[in-house]
Structure formats: structure tokens, C-alpha cells
């Protein structure tokens, strides 16, 4: 239990959630890779496909795992491993 800005928070651990969450996270990362594979970074200008790609990632609940960036007017996607590590640390809580 802890307080933050006058609000009391209680953090609980659930062994069941700790077992359930890692496969879900992996499934979402796989969806991110699959969605990401539909777009070729060298052949499409950023303004044409960044918004549809972002919408697909959000619908798949995979947006935390991929960063969509622009380099030289082209889409560059990078996997965000920090998000995965943070989720692993919170599994079960």
C-alpha cells in the first residue's frame, strides 16, 4: 500500500494473473510483428501509411511494442523492448 498525491493505492499480486499475462503479451507482440510485416519501409511514403499502420497497431493492442518513426520521408518501425520489460515486471500485479 502506498500514497500518491493524497490518494491511497493498494497493489495486490495474483499468481493466476502472473501466469495468464505473459502469453497475452507475447500474442500482442506477435500481432505487432504481423501487422508490421504488411508494410514495406522503403516503398511507402510516411504520410500515406503511418496513420493506417498506427490504427492497426492500436486495434491489435500492440501499439506499445512498436515505434513508428520518420527518417528521410519513409516509415521506420522499431520494436520497443522497454515496454515488454516493463510489462514483465508488472505481470501479476
PDB file of N, CA and C in Angstrom:
ATOM      1  N   UNK A   1       0.847  -1.156   0.000  1.00  0.00           N
ATOM      2  CA  UNK A   1       0.000   0.000   0.000  1.00  0.00           C
ATOM      3  C   UNK A   1       0.904   1.233   0.000  1.00  0.00           C
ATOM      4  N   UNK A   2       0.487   2.262  -0.765  1.00  0.00           N
ATOM      5  CA  UNK A   2       1.245   3.497  -0.783  1.00  0.00           C
ATOM      6  C   UNK A   2       0.315   4.668  -1.099  1.00  0.00           C
ATOM      7  N   UNK A   3       0.803   5.848  -0.784  1.00  0.00           N
ATOM      8  CA  UNK A   3       0.049   7.073  -1.019  1.00  0.00           C
ATOM      9  C   UNK A   3       0.732   7.867  -2.123  1.00  0.00           C
ATOM     10  N   UNK A   4      -0.084   8.483  -2.980  1.00  0.00           N
ATOM     11  CA  UNK A   4       0.460   9.354  -4.017  1.00  0.00           C
ATOM     12  C   UNK A   4      -0.516  10.506  -4.204  1.00  0.00           C
ATOM     13  N   UNK A   5      -0.039  11.712  -3.972  1.00  0.00           N
ATOM     14  CA  UNK A   5      -0.846  12.927  -4.093  1.00  0.00           C
ATOM     15  C   UNK A   5      -2.158  12.814  -3.326  1.00  0.00           C
ATOM     16  N   UNK A   6      -2.083  12.296  -2.107  1.00  0.00           N
ATOM     17  CA  UNK A   6      -3.242  12.219  -1.241  1.00  0.00           C
ATOM     18  C   UNK A   6      -4.195  11.067  -1.520  1.00  0.00           C
ATOM     19  N   UNK A   7      -3.830  10.206  -2.446  1.00  0.00           N
ATOM     20  CA  UNK A   7      -4.679   9.055  -2.769  1.00  0.00           C
ATOM     21  C   UNK A   7      -3.949   7.789  -2.344  1.00  0.00           C
ATOM     22  N   UNK A   8      -4.682   6.903  -1.666  1.00  0.00           N
ATOM     23  CA  UNK A   8      -4.096   5.655  -1.201  1.00  0.00           C
ATOM     24  C   UNK A   8      -4.288   4.578  -2.269  1.00  0.00           C
ATOM     25  N   UNK A   9      -3.203   3.881  -2.613  1.00  0.00           N
ATOM     26  CA  UNK A   9      -3.246   2.803  -3.587  1.00  0.00           C
ATOM     27  C   UNK A   9      -2.854   1.504  -2.908  1.00  0.00           C
ATOM     28  N   UNK A  10      -3.534   0.447  -3.276  1.00  0.00           N
ATOM     29  CA  UNK A  10      -3.227  -0.873  -2.755  1.00  0.00           C
ATOM     30  C   UNK A  10      -2.872  -1.764  -3.942  1.00  0.00           C
ATOM     31  N   UNK A  11      -1.681  -2.285  -3.954  1.00  0.00           N
ATOM     32  CA  UNK A  11      -1.208  -3.121  -5.045  1.00  0.00           C
ATOM     33  C   UNK A  11      -1.223  -4.574  -4.582  1.00  0.00           C
ATOM     34  N   UNK A  12      -1.912  -5.412  -5.340  1.00  0.00           N
ATOM     35  CA  UNK A  12      -2.044  -6.817  -4.984  1.00  0.00           C
ATOM     36  C   UNK A  12      -1.359  -7.688  -6.030  1.00  0.00           C
ATOM     37  N   UNK A  13      -0.902  -8.840  -5.605  1.00  0.00           N
ATOM     38  CA  UNK A  13      -0.272  -9.796  -6.516  1.00  0.00           C
ATOM     39  C   UNK A  13      -1.191 -10.999  -6.667  1.00  0.00           C
ATOM     40  N   UNK A  14      -1.351 -11.454  -7.905  1.00  0.00           N
ATOM     41  CA  UNK A  14      -2.172 -12.626  -8.179  1.00  0.00           C
ATOM     42  C   UNK A  14      -1.338 -13.640  -8.962  1.00  0.00           C
ATOM     43  N   UNK A  15      -1.060 -14.808  -8.399  1.00  0.00           N
ATOM     44  CA  UNK A  15      -0.298 -15.827  -9.125  1.00  0.00           C
ATOM     45  C   UNK A  15      -1.008 -16.254 -10.413  1.00  0.00           C
ATOM     46  N   UNK A  16      -2.339 -16.257 -10.388  1.00  0.00           N
ATOM     47  CA  UNK A  16      -3.100 -16.623 -11.579  1.00  0.00           C
ATOM     48  C   UNK A  16      -2.857 -15.618 -12.698  1.00  0.00           C
ATOM     49  N   UNK A  17      -2.895 -14.311 -12.376  1.00  0.00           N
ATOM     50  CA  UNK A  17      -2.623 -13.282 -13.387  1.00  0.00           C
ATOM     51  C   UNK A  17      -1.170 -13.334 -13.852  1.00  0.00           C
ATOM     52  N   UNK A  18      -0.262 -13.686 -12.954  1.00  0.00           N
ATOM     53  CA  UNK A  18       1.148 -13.789 -13.326  1.00  0.00           C
ATOM     54  C   UNK A  18       1.357 -14.872 -14.382  1.00  0.00           C
ATOM     55  N   UNK A  19       0.553 -15.929 -14.340  1.00  0.00           N
ATOM     56  CA  UNK A  19       0.637 -16.992 -15.355  1.00  0.00           C
ATOM     57  C   UNK A  19      -0.134 -16.636 -16.622  1.00  0.00           C
ATOM     58  N   UNK A  20      -1.211 -15.883 -16.484  1.00  0.00           N
ATOM     59  CA  UNK A  20      -2.072 -15.559 -17.621  1.00  0.00           C
ATOM     60  C   UNK A  20      -1.501 -14.449 -18.501  1.00  0.00           C
ATOM     61  N   UNK A  21      -0.843 -13.468 -17.929  1.00  0.00           N
ATOM     62  CA  UNK A  21      -0.437 -12.285 -18.673  1.00  0.00           C
ATOM     63  C   UNK A  21       0.722 -12.481 -19.653  1.00  0.00           C
ATOM     64  N   UNK A  22       1.783 -13.236 -19.339  1.00  0.00           N
ATOM     65  CA  UNK A  22       2.885 -13.363 -20.317  1.00  0.00           C
ATOM     66  C   UNK A  22       2.467 -13.907 -21.683  1.00  0.00           C
ATOM     67  N   UNK A  23       1.615 -14.941 -21.774  1.00  0.00           N
ATOM     68  CA  UNK A  23       1.184 -15.368 -23.112  1.00  0.00           C
ATOM     69  C   UNK A  23       0.380 -14.301 -23.846  1.00  0.00           C
ATOM     70  N   UNK A  24      -0.412 -13.531 -23.119  1.00  0.00           N
ATOM     71  CA  UNK A  24      -1.167 -12.446 -23.741  1.00  0.00           C
ATOM     72  C   UNK A  24      -0.228 -11.393 -24.319  1.00  0.00           C
ATOM     73  N   UNK A  25       0.795 -11.035 -23.553  1.00  0.00           N
ATOM     74  CA  UNK A  25       1.756 -10.042 -24.039  1.00  0.00           C
ATOM     75  C   UNK A  25       2.477 -10.557 -25.280  1.00  0.00           C
ATOM     76  N   UNK A  26       2.861 -11.814 -25.256  1.00  0.00           N
ATOM     77  CA  UNK A  26       3.563 -12.391 -26.414  1.00  0.00           C
ATOM     78  C   UNK A  26       2.642 -12.408 -27.629  1.00  0.00           C
ATOM     79  N   UNK A  27       1.377 -12.730 -27.419  1.00  0.00           N
ATOM     80  CA  UNK A  27       0.420 -12.729 -28.527  1.00  0.00           C
ATOM     81  C   UNK A  27       0.300 -11.328 -29.139  1.00  0.00           C
ATOM     82  N   UNK A  28       0.265 -10.309 -28.308  1.00  0.00           N
ATOM     83  CA  UNK A  28       0.183  -8.933 -28.801  1.00  0.00           C
ATOM     84  C   UNK A  28       1.459  -8.525 -29.527  1.00  0.00           C
ATOM     85  N   UNK A  29       2.627  -8.948 -29.010  1.00  0.00           N
ATOM     86  CA  UNK A  29       3.881  -8.646 -29.713  1.00  0.00           C
ATOM     87  C   UNK A  29       3.915  -9.332 -31.074  1.00  0.00           C
ATOM     88  N   UNK A  30       3.389 -10.555 -31.138  1.00  0.00           N
ATOM     89  CA  UNK A  30       3.320 -11.270 -32.414  1.00  0.00           C
ATOM     90  C   UNK A  30       2.377 -10.559 -33.376  1.00  0.00           C
ATOM     91  N   UNK A  31       1.254 -10.056 -32.864  1.00  0.00           N
ATOM     92  CA  UNK A  31       0.343  -9.269 -33.709  1.00  0.00           C
ATOM     93  C   UNK A  31       1.043  -8.023 -34.234  1.00  0.00           C
ATOM     94  N   UNK A  32       1.854  -7.405 -33.392  1.00  0.00           N
ATOM     95  CA  UNK A  32       2.594  -6.214 -33.830  1.00  0.00           C
ATOM     96  C   UNK A  32       3.542  -6.571 -34.959  1.00  0.00           C
ATOM     97  N   UNK A  33       4.236  -7.693 -34.830  1.00  0.00           N
ATOM     98  CA  UNK A  33       5.158  -8.118 -35.892  1.00  0.00           C
ATOM     99  C   UNK A  33       4.401  -8.447 -37.177  1.00  0.00           C
ATOM    100  N   UNK A  34       3.257  -9.109 -37.050  1.00  0.00           N
ATOM    101  CA  UNK A  34       2.460  -9.477 -38.212  1.00  0.00           C
ATOM    102  C   UNK A  34       1.914  -8.237 -38.910  1.00  0.00           C
ATOM    103  N   UNK A  35       1.352  -7.326 -38.131  1.00  0.00           N
ATOM    104  CA  UNK A  35       0.819  -6.087 -38.690  1.00  0.00           C
ATOM    105  C   UNK A  35       1.939  -5.284 -39.320  1.00  0.00           C
ATOM    106  N   UNK A  36       3.054  -5.246 -38.638  1.00  0.00           N
ATOM    107  CA  UNK A  36       4.215  -4.503 -39.091  1.00  0.00           C
ATOM    108  C   UNK A  36       4.746  -5.064 -40.411  1.00  0.00           C
ATOM    109  N   UNK A  37       4.658  -6.361 -40.609  1.00  0.00           N
ATOM    110  CA  UNK A  37       5.197  -7.001 -41.807  1.00  0.00           C
ATOM    111  C   UNK A  37       4.401  -6.656 -43.060  1.00  0.00           C
ATOM    112  N   UNK A  38       3.187  -6.137 -42.908  1.00  0.00           N
ATOM    113  CA  UNK A  38       2.375  -5.781 -44.066  1.00  0.00           C
ATOM    114  C   UNK A  38       2.895  -4.532 -44.776  1.00  0.00           C
ATOM    115  N   UNK A  39       3.745  -3.771 -44.107  1.00  0.00           N
ATOM    116  CA  UNK A  39       4.224  -2.513 -44.648  1.00  0.00           C
ATOM    117  C   UNK A  39       5.707  -2.598 -44.952  1.00  0.00           C
ATOM    118  N   UNK A  40       6.079  -2.199 -46.151  1.00  0.00           N
ATOM    119  CA  UNK A  40       7.477  -2.174 -46.555  1.00  0.00           C
ATOM    120  C   UNK A  40       8.026  -0.765 -46.320  1.00  0.00           C
ATOM    121  N   UNK A  41       9.044  -0.601 -45.498  1.00  0.00           N
ATOM    122  CA  UNK A  41       9.502   0.738 -45.135  1.00  0.00           C
ATOM    123  C   UNK A  41      10.092   1.533 -46.297  1.00  0.00           C
ATOM    124  N   UNK A  42      10.629   0.863 -47.312  1.00  0.00           N
ATOM    125  CA  UNK A  42      11.296   1.589 -48.384  1.00  0.00           C
ATOM    126  C   UNK A  42      10.356   2.018 -49.499  1.00  0.00           C
ATOM    127  N   UNK A  43       9.194   1.403 -49.602  1.00  0.00           N
ATOM    128  CA  UNK A  43       8.357   1.658 -50.755  1.00  0.00           C
ATOM    129  C   UNK A  43       7.191   2.609 -50.508  1.00  0.00           C
ATOM    130  N   UNK A  44       6.955   2.989 -49.257  1.00  0.00           N
ATOM    131  CA  UNK A  44       5.774   3.793 -48.973  1.00  0.00           C
ATOM    132  C   UNK A  44       6.137   5.077 -48.249  1.00  0.00           C
ATOM    133  N   UNK A  45       5.645   6.200 -48.742  1.00  0.00           N
ATOM    134  CA  UNK A  45       5.893   7.455 -48.039  1.00  0.00           C
ATOM    135  C   UNK A  45       5.169   7.487 -46.701  1.00  0.00           C
ATOM    136  N   UNK A  46       5.732   8.197 -45.780  1.00  0.00           N
ATOM    137  CA  UNK A  46       5.204   8.241 -44.418  1.00  0.00           C
ATOM    138  C   UNK A  46       3.764   8.735 -44.373  1.00  0.00           C
ATOM    139  N   UNK A  47       3.468   9.819 -45.038  1.00  0.00           N
ATOM    140  CA  UNK A  47       2.134  10.422 -44.928  1.00  0.00           C
ATOM    141  C   UNK A  47       1.044   9.502 -45.470  1.00  0.00           C
ATOM    142  N   UNK A  48       1.388   8.549 -46.314  1.00  0.00           N
ATOM    143  CA  UNK A  48       0.396   7.664 -46.914  1.00  0.00           C
ATOM    144  C   UNK A  48      -0.010   6.529 -45.976  1.00  0.00           C
ATOM    145  N   UNK A  49       0.937   5.992 -45.204  1.00  0.00           N
ATOM    146  CA  UNK A  49       0.643   4.767 -44.464  1.00  0.00           C
ATOM    147  C   UNK A  49       0.903   4.805 -42.962  1.00  0.00           C
ATOM    148  N   UNK A  50       1.368   5.909 -42.421  1.00  0.00           N
ATOM    149  CA  UNK A  50       1.621   5.951 -40.979  1.00  0.00           C
ATOM    150  C   UNK A  50       0.322   5.855 -40.183  1.00  0.00           C
ATOM    151  N   UNK A  51      -0.691   6.594 -40.592  1.00  0.00           N
ATOM    152  CA  UNK A  51      -1.962   6.578 -39.850  1.00  0.00           C
ATOM    153  C   UNK A  51      -2.637   5.207 -39.909  1.00  0.00           C
ATOM    154  N   UNK A  52      -2.764   4.561 -41.096  1.00  0.00           N
ATOM    155  CA  UNK A  52      -3.368   3.218 -41.111  1.00  0.00           C
ATOM    156  C   UNK A  52      -2.567   2.202 -40.284  1.00  0.00           C
ATOM    157  N   UNK A  53      -1.239   2.284 -40.350  1.00  0.00           N
ATOM    158  CA  UNK A  53      -0.403   1.369 -39.568  1.00  0.00           C
ATOM    159  C   UNK A  53      -0.647   1.582 -38.078  1.00  0.00           C
ATOM    160  N   UNK A  54      -0.681   2.829 -37.657  1.00  0.00           N
ATOM    161  CA  UNK A  54      -0.914   3.128 -36.244  1.00  0.00           C
ATOM    162  C   UNK A  54      -2.287   2.636 -35.797  1.00  0.00           C
ATOM    163  N   UNK A  55      -3.320   2.830 -36.626  1.00  0.00           N
ATOM    164  CA  UNK A  55      -4.659   2.339 -36.285  1.00  0.00           C
ATOM    165  C   UNK A  55      -4.682   0.824 -36.133  1.00  0.00           C
ATOM    166  N   UNK A  56      -4.016   0.115 -37.048  1.00  0.00           N
ATOM    167  CA  UNK A  56      -3.966  -1.349 -36.949  1.00  0.00           C
ATOM    168  C   UNK A  56      -3.281  -1.792 -35.662  1.00  0.00           C
ATOM    169  N   UNK A  57      -2.192  -1.126 -35.311  1.00  0.00           N
ATOM    170  CA  UNK A  57      -1.469  -1.487 -34.087  1.00  0.00           C
ATOM    171  C   UNK A  57      -2.315  -1.213 -32.847  1.00  0.00           C
ATOM    172  N   UNK A  58      -3.054  -0.116 -32.854  1.00  0.00           N
ATOM    173  CA  UNK A  58      -3.906   0.206 -31.707  1.00  0.00           C
ATOM    174  C   UNK A  58      -5.032  -0.807 -31.592  1.00  0.00           C
ATOM    175  N   UNK A  59      -5.671  -1.148 -32.717  1.00  0.00           N
ATOM    176  CA  UNK A  59      -6.753  -2.142 -32.684  1.00  0.00           C
ATOM    177  C   UNK A  59      -6.254  -3.492 -32.190  1.00  0.00           C
ATOM    178  N   UNK A  60      -5.035  -3.854 -32.543  1.00  0.00           N
ATOM    179  CA  UNK A  60      -4.467  -5.138 -32.124  1.00  0.00           C
ATOM    180  C   UNK A  60      -3.908  -5.077 -30.707  1.00  0.00           C
ATOM    181  N   UNK A  61      -4.021  -3.920 -30.052  1.00  0.00           N
ATOM    182  CA  UNK A  61      -3.454  -3.681 -28.719  1.00  0.00           C
ATOM    183  C   UNK A  61      -1.960  -3.941 -28.713  1.00  0.00           C
ATOM    184  N   UNK A  62      -1.330  -3.628 -29.825  1.00  0.00           N
ATOM    185  CA  UNK A  62       0.096  -3.889 -29.988  1.00  0.00           C
ATOM    186  C   UNK A  62       0.906  -2.606 -30.126  1.00  0.00           C
ATOM    187  N   UNK A  63       0.261  -1.458 -30.002  1.00  0.00           N
ATOM    188  CA  UNK A  63       0.969  -0.191 -30.208  1.00  0.00           C
ATOM    189  C   UNK A  63       2.098   0.079 -29.210  1.00  0.00           C
ATOM    190  N   UNK A  64       2.040  -0.418 -27.964  1.00  0.00           N
ATOM    191  CA  UNK A  64       3.165  -0.157 -27.071  1.00  0.00           C
ATOM    192  C   UNK A  64       4.465  -0.837 -27.503  1.00  0.00           C
ATOM    193  N   UNK A  65       4.370  -1.833 -28.370  1.00  0.00           N
ATOM    194  CA  UNK A  65       5.542  -2.625 -28.725  1.00  0.00           C
ATOM    195  C   UNK A  65       6.274  -2.121 -29.961  1.00  0.00           C
ATOM    196  N   UNK A  66       5.697  -1.154 -30.665  1.00  0.00           N
ATOM    197  CA  UNK A  66       6.294  -0.684 -31.913  1.00  0.00           C
ATOM    198  C   UNK A  66       6.314   0.840 -31.915  1.00  0.00           C
ATOM    199  N   UNK A  67       7.446   1.406 -32.316  1.00  0.00           N
ATOM    200  CA  UNK A  67       7.541   2.844 -32.530  1.00  0.00           C
ATOM    201  C   UNK A  67       7.534   3.093 -34.026  1.00  0.00           C
ATOM    202  N   UNK A  68       6.674   3.996 -34.473  1.00  0.00           N
ATOM    203  CA  UNK A  68       6.614   4.370 -35.884  1.00  0.00           C
ATOM    204  C   UNK A  68       7.286   5.726 -35.998  1.00  0.00           C
ATOM    205  N   UNK A  69       8.386   5.769 -36.740  1.00  0.00           N
ATOM    206  CA  UNK A  69       9.180   6.981 -36.874  1.00  0.00           C
ATOM    207  C   UNK A  69       9.324   7.370 -38.340  1.00  0.00           C
ATOM    208  N   UNK A  70       9.781   8.571 -38.568  1.00  0.00           N
ATOM    209  CA  UNK A  70      10.064   9.035 -39.923  1.00  0.00           C
ATOM    210  C   UNK A  70      11.557   9.283 -40.058  1.00  0.00           C
ATOM    211  N   UNK A  71      12.116   8.727 -41.113  1.00  0.00           N
ATOM    212  CA  UNK A  71      13.510   9.003 -41.461  1.00  0.00           C
ATOM    213  C   UNK A  71      13.579   9.190 -42.962  1.00  0.00           C
ATOM    214  N   UNK A  72      14.002  10.344 -43.378  1.00  0.00           N
ATOM    215  CA  UNK A  72      14.115  10.670 -44.799  1.00  0.00           C
ATOM    216  C   UNK A  72      12.791  10.482 -45.536  1.00  0.00           C
ATOM    217  N   UNK A  73      11.684  10.820 -44.880  1.00  0.00           N
ATOM    218  CA  UNK A  73      10.377  10.735 -45.507  1.00  0.00           C
ATOM    219  C   UNK A  73       9.813   9.332 -45.638  1.00  0.00           C
ATOM    220  N   UNK A  74      10.391   8.364 -44.992  1.00  0.00           N
ATOM    221  CA  UNK A  74       9.931   6.976 -45.062  1.00  0.00           C
ATOM    222  C   UNK A  74       9.580   6.464 -43.668  1.00  0.00           C
ATOM    223  N   UNK A  75       8.717   5.453 -43.635  1.00  0.00           N
ATOM    224  CA  UNK A  75       8.323   4.827 -42.379  1.00  0.00           C
ATOM    225  C   UNK A  75       9.464   3.953 -41.863  1.00  0.00           C
ATOM    226  N   UNK A  76       9.794   4.149 -40.610  1.00  0.00           N
ATOM    227  CA  UNK A  76      10.767   3.287 -39.942  1.00  0.00           C
ATOM    228  C   UNK A  76      10.089   2.772 -38.680  1.00  0.00           C
ATOM    229  N   UNK A  77      10.052   1.464 -38.534  1.00  0.00           N
ATOM    230  CA  UNK A  77       9.425   0.862 -37.366  1.00  0.00           C
ATOM    231  C   UNK A  77      10.495   0.194 -36.513  1.00  0.00           C
ATOM    232  N   UNK A  78      10.383   0.404 -35.232  1.00  0.00           N
ATOM    233  CA  UNK A  78      11.326  -0.208 -34.301  1.00  0.00           C
ATOM    234  C   UNK A  78      10.543  -0.906 -33.206  1.00  0.00           C
ATOM    235  N   UNK A  79      10.999  -2.082 -32.840  1.00  0.00           N
ATOM    236  CA  UNK A  79      10.361  -2.788 -31.731  1.00  0.00           C
ATOM    237  C   UNK A  79      10.823  -2.150 -30.430  1.00  0.00           C
ATOM    238  N   UNK A  80       9.878  -1.891 -29.550  1.00  0.00           N
ATOM    239  CA  UNK A  80      10.165  -1.248 -28.272  1.00  0.00           C
ATOM    240  C   UNK A  80      10.297  -2.317 -27.200  1.00  0.00           C
ATOM    241  N   UNK A  81      11.519  -2.714 -26.906  1.00  0.00           N
ATOM    242  CA  UNK A  81      11.753  -3.770 -25.916  1.00  0.00           C
ATOM    243  C   UNK A  81      11.560  -3.260 -24.490  1.00  0.00           C
ATOM    244  N   UNK A  82      11.648  -1.957 -24.293  1.00  0.00           N
ATOM    245  CA  UNK A  82      11.449  -1.390 -22.962  1.00  0.00           C
ATOM    246  C   UNK A  82      10.024  -1.648 -22.482  1.00  0.00           C
ATOM    247  N   UNK A  83       9.045  -1.479 -23.364  1.00  0.00           N
ATOM    248  CA  UNK A  83       7.640  -1.717 -22.994  1.00  0.00           C
ATOM    249  C   UNK A  83       7.438  -3.161 -22.559  1.00  0.00           C
ATOM    250  N   UNK A  84       8.062  -4.090 -23.258  1.00  0.00           N
ATOM    251  CA  UNK A  84       7.935  -5.507 -22.903  1.00  0.00           C
ATOM    252  C   UNK A  84       8.545  -5.782 -21.525  1.00  0.00           C
ATOM    253  N   UNK A  85       9.703  -5.189 -21.246  1.00  0.00           N
ATOM    254  CA  UNK A  85      10.339  -5.400 -19.939  1.00  0.00           C
ATOM    255  C   UNK A  85       9.492  -4.814 -18.810  1.00  0.00           C
ATOM    256  N   UNK A  86       8.887  -3.663 -19.041  1.00  0.00           N
ATOM    257  CA  UNK A  86       8.049  -3.039 -18.021  1.00  0.00           C
ATOM    258  C   UNK A  86       6.824  -3.917 -17.744  1.00  0.00           C
ATOM    259  N   UNK A  87       6.214  -4.428 -18.800  1.00  0.00           N
ATOM    260  CA  UNK A  87       5.048  -5.304 -18.610  1.00  0.00           C
ATOM    261  C   UNK A  87       5.426  -6.581 -17.860  1.00  0.00           C
ATOM    262  N   UNK A  88       6.583  -7.138 -18.178  1.00  0.00           N
ATOM    263  CA  UNK A  88       7.027  -8.348 -17.482  1.00  0.00           C
ATOM    264  C   UNK A  88       7.207  -8.068 -15.992  1.00  0.00           C
ATOM    265  N   UNK A  89       7.701  -6.895 -15.666  1.00  0.00           N
ATOM    266  CA  UNK A  89       7.909  -6.553 -14.256  1.00  0.00           C
ATOM    267  C   UNK A  89       6.584  -6.425 -13.515  1.00  0.00           C
ATOM    268  N   UNK A  90       5.518  -6.034 -14.213  1.00  0.00           N
ATOM    269  CA  UNK A  90       4.215  -5.844 -13.590  1.00  0.00           C
ATOM    270  C   UNK A  90       3.295  -7.044 -13.710  1.00  0.00           C
ATOM    271  N   UNK A  91       3.714  -8.117 -14.368  1.00  0.00           N
ATOM    272  CA  UNK A  91       2.858  -9.288 -14.502  1.00  0.00           C
ATOM    273  C   UNK A  91       2.431  -9.797 -13.133  1.00  0.00           C
ATOM    274  N   UNK A  92       1.134  -9.981 -12.988  1.00  0.00           N
ATOM    275  CA  UNK A  92       0.586 -10.487 -11.738  1.00  0.00           C
ATOM    276  C   UNK A  92       0.157  -9.420 -10.758  1.00  0.00           C
ATOM    277  N   UNK A  93       0.468  -8.177 -11.059  1.00  0.00           N
ATOM    278  CA  UNK A  93       0.091  -7.091 -10.138  1.00  0.00           C
ATOM    279  C   UNK A  93      -1.081  -6.319 -10.679  1.00  0.00           C
TER     280      UNK A  93
END
